[in-house]
C-alpha atoms as a PDB file:
ATOM      1  CA  MET A   1      98.772  78.372 -94.293  1.00  0.00           C
ATOM      2  CA  ARG A   2     100.295  75.541 -92.511  1.00  0.00           C
ATOM      3  CA  GLU A   3     103.442  73.538 -94.555  1.00  0.00           C
ATOM      4  CA  ALA A   4     102.714  69.690 -94.610  1.00  0.00           C
ATOM      5  CA  CYS A   5     104.126  66.894 -96.787  1.00  0.00           C
ATOM      6  CA  CYS A   6     102.499  65.429-100.570  1.00  0.00           C
ATOM      7  CA  PRO A   7     101.200  62.397-100.400  1.00  0.00           C
ATOM      8  CA  GLN A   8     102.139  61.640-103.779  1.00  0.00           C
ATOM      9  CA  CYS A   9     105.586  63.024-104.362  1.00  0.00           C
ATOM     10  CA  ARG A  10     106.543  64.112-100.509  1.00  0.00           C
ATOM     11  CA  GLY A  11     107.563  67.567-101.307  1.00  0.00           C
ATOM     12  CA  ALA A  12     106.295  70.777-100.174  1.00  0.00           C
ATOM     13  CA  ALA A  13     102.677  71.489 -99.527  1.00  0.00           C
ATOM     14  CA  ARG A  14     100.242  73.683 -98.068  1.00  0.00           C
ATOM     15  CA  LEU A  15      97.019  73.698 -96.289  1.00  0.00           C
ATOM     16  CA  VAL A  16      94.554  75.993 -97.339  1.00  0.00           C
ATOM     17  CA  ARG A  17      91.127  76.627 -95.660  1.00  0.00           C
ATOM     18  CA  ASN A  18      88.633  74.834 -97.915  1.00  0.00           C
ATOM     19  CA  PRO A  19      86.490  78.267 -99.124  1.00  0.00           C
ATOM     20  CA  TYR A  20      83.104  76.240 -99.292  1.00  0.00           C
ATOM     21  CA  TYR A  21      83.812  74.731 -95.895  1.00  0.00           C
ATOM     22  CA  GLY A  22      80.792  76.170 -93.650  1.00  0.00           C
ATOM     23  CA  ALA A  23      78.223  77.176 -96.117  1.00  0.00           C
ATOM     24  CA  GLY A  24      76.981  73.698 -96.383  1.00  0.00           C
ATOM     25  CA  LEU A  25      78.835  72.838 -99.275  1.00  0.00           C
ATOM     26  CA  ALA A  26      81.514  71.062 -98.232  1.00  0.00           C
ATOM     27  CA  VAL A  27      82.409  68.823 -95.108  1.00  0.00           C
ATOM     28  CA  HIS A  28      86.114  68.958 -95.390  1.00  0.00           C
ATOM     29  CA  ALA A  29      87.967  72.257 -93.384  1.00  0.00           C
ATOM     30  CA  ASP A  30      91.364  72.321 -95.353  1.00  0.00           C
ATOM     31  CA  LEU A  31      92.449  71.293 -98.158  1.00  0.00           C
ATOM     32  CA  LEU A  32      96.115  70.437 -99.338  1.00  0.00           C
ATOM     33  CA  VAL A  33      97.848  71.772-102.536  1.00  0.00           C
ATOM     34  CA  CYS A  34     101.494  70.576-103.310  1.00  0.00           C
ATOM     35  CA  GLN A  35     103.688  73.297-105.045  1.00  0.00           C
ATOM     36  CA  SER A  36     105.958  70.503-107.118  1.00  0.00           C
ATOM     37  CA  CYS A  37     103.687  68.076-108.714  1.00  0.00           C
ATOM     38  CA  GLY A  38     100.142  70.038-108.494  1.00  0.00           C
ATOM     39  CA  TYR A  39      98.038  67.637-106.579  1.00  0.00           C
ATOM     40  CA  THR A  40      95.524  68.597-104.557  1.00  0.00           C
ATOM     41  CA  GLY A  41      93.326  66.678-102.388  1.00  0.00           C
ATOM     42  CA  TYR A  42      91.497  66.633 -98.763  1.00  0.00           C
ATOM     43  CA  ALA A  43      93.827  67.416 -95.147  1.00  0.00           C
ATOM     44  CA  ASP A  44      93.376  64.744 -92.679  1.00  0.00           C
ATOM     45  CA  ASN A  45      89.676  65.348 -91.423  1.00  0.00           C
ATOM     46  CA  PRO A  46      89.785  63.258 -87.619  1.00  0.00           C
ATOM     47  CA  GLU A  47      85.967  62.724 -88.230  1.00  0.00           C
ATOM     48  CA  GLU A  48      86.874  60.909 -91.504  1.00  0.00           C
ATOM     49  CA  ASP A  49      85.455  57.721 -91.840  1.00  0.00           C
ATOM     50  CA  ALA A  50      87.616  54.971 -93.620  1.00  0.00           C
ATOM     51  CA  ALA A  51      86.080  54.660 -96.832  1.00  0.00           C
ATOM     52  CA  GLU A  52      86.533  58.305 -97.517  1.00  0.00           C
ATOM     53  CA  VAL A  53      90.749  57.765 -97.092  1.00  0.00           C
ATOM     54  CA  SER A  54      90.246  54.965 -99.725  1.00  0.00           C
ATOM     55  CA  ARG A  55      88.372  57.091-102.356  1.00  0.00           C
ATOM     56  CA  THR A  56      91.305  59.960-101.936  1.00  0.00           C
ATOM     57  CA  GLN A  57      93.664  57.577-102.121  1.00  0.00           C
ATOM     58  CA  ALA A  58      92.010  56.015-105.394  1.00  0.00           C
ATOM     59  CA  ASP A  59      91.739  59.221-107.033  1.00  0.00           C
ATOM     60  CA  GLY A  60      95.488  60.502-106.491  1.00  0.00           C
ATOM     61  CA  ALA A  61      96.466  57.044-108.425  1.00  0.00           C
ATOM     62  CA  LEU A  62      93.657  57.966-111.239  1.00  0.00           C
ATOM     63  CA  ARG A  63      95.096  61.403-111.388  1.00  0.00           C
ATOM     64  CA  ARG A  64      98.825  59.717-111.541  1.00  0.00           C
ATOM     65  CA  PHE A  65      97.616  57.132-114.422  1.00  0.00           C
ATOM     66  CA  LEU A  66      95.793  60.209-116.384  1.00  0.00           C
ATOM     67  CA  ARG A  67      99.092  62.648-116.240  1.00  0.00           C
ATOM     68  CA  MET A  68     100.867  59.872-117.613  1.00  0.00           C
ATOM     69  CA  LEU A  69      98.640  59.376-120.301  1.00  0.00           C
ATOM     70  CA  ALA A  70      98.904  63.044-120.581  1.00  0.00           C
ATOM     71  CA  GLY A  71     102.372  63.077-121.103  1.00  0.00           C
ATOM     72  CA  GLY A  72     102.756  65.741-118.252  1.00  0.00           C
END
């Protein structure tokens, strides 16, 4: 596991190996898991195109909004 910075809260996050990568079920080799806010997303992948990055950021905003509605 490698240390990284969470894109949402800037807290400590870790990069973990995607268990589905290589089995034909995933295209992202690493996952980013925040230890502070619970954010889970895809780590930066150089082969990723700009559409994938913007979709991940929009998904992060949706998660924050849903957590706010749930009171968390």
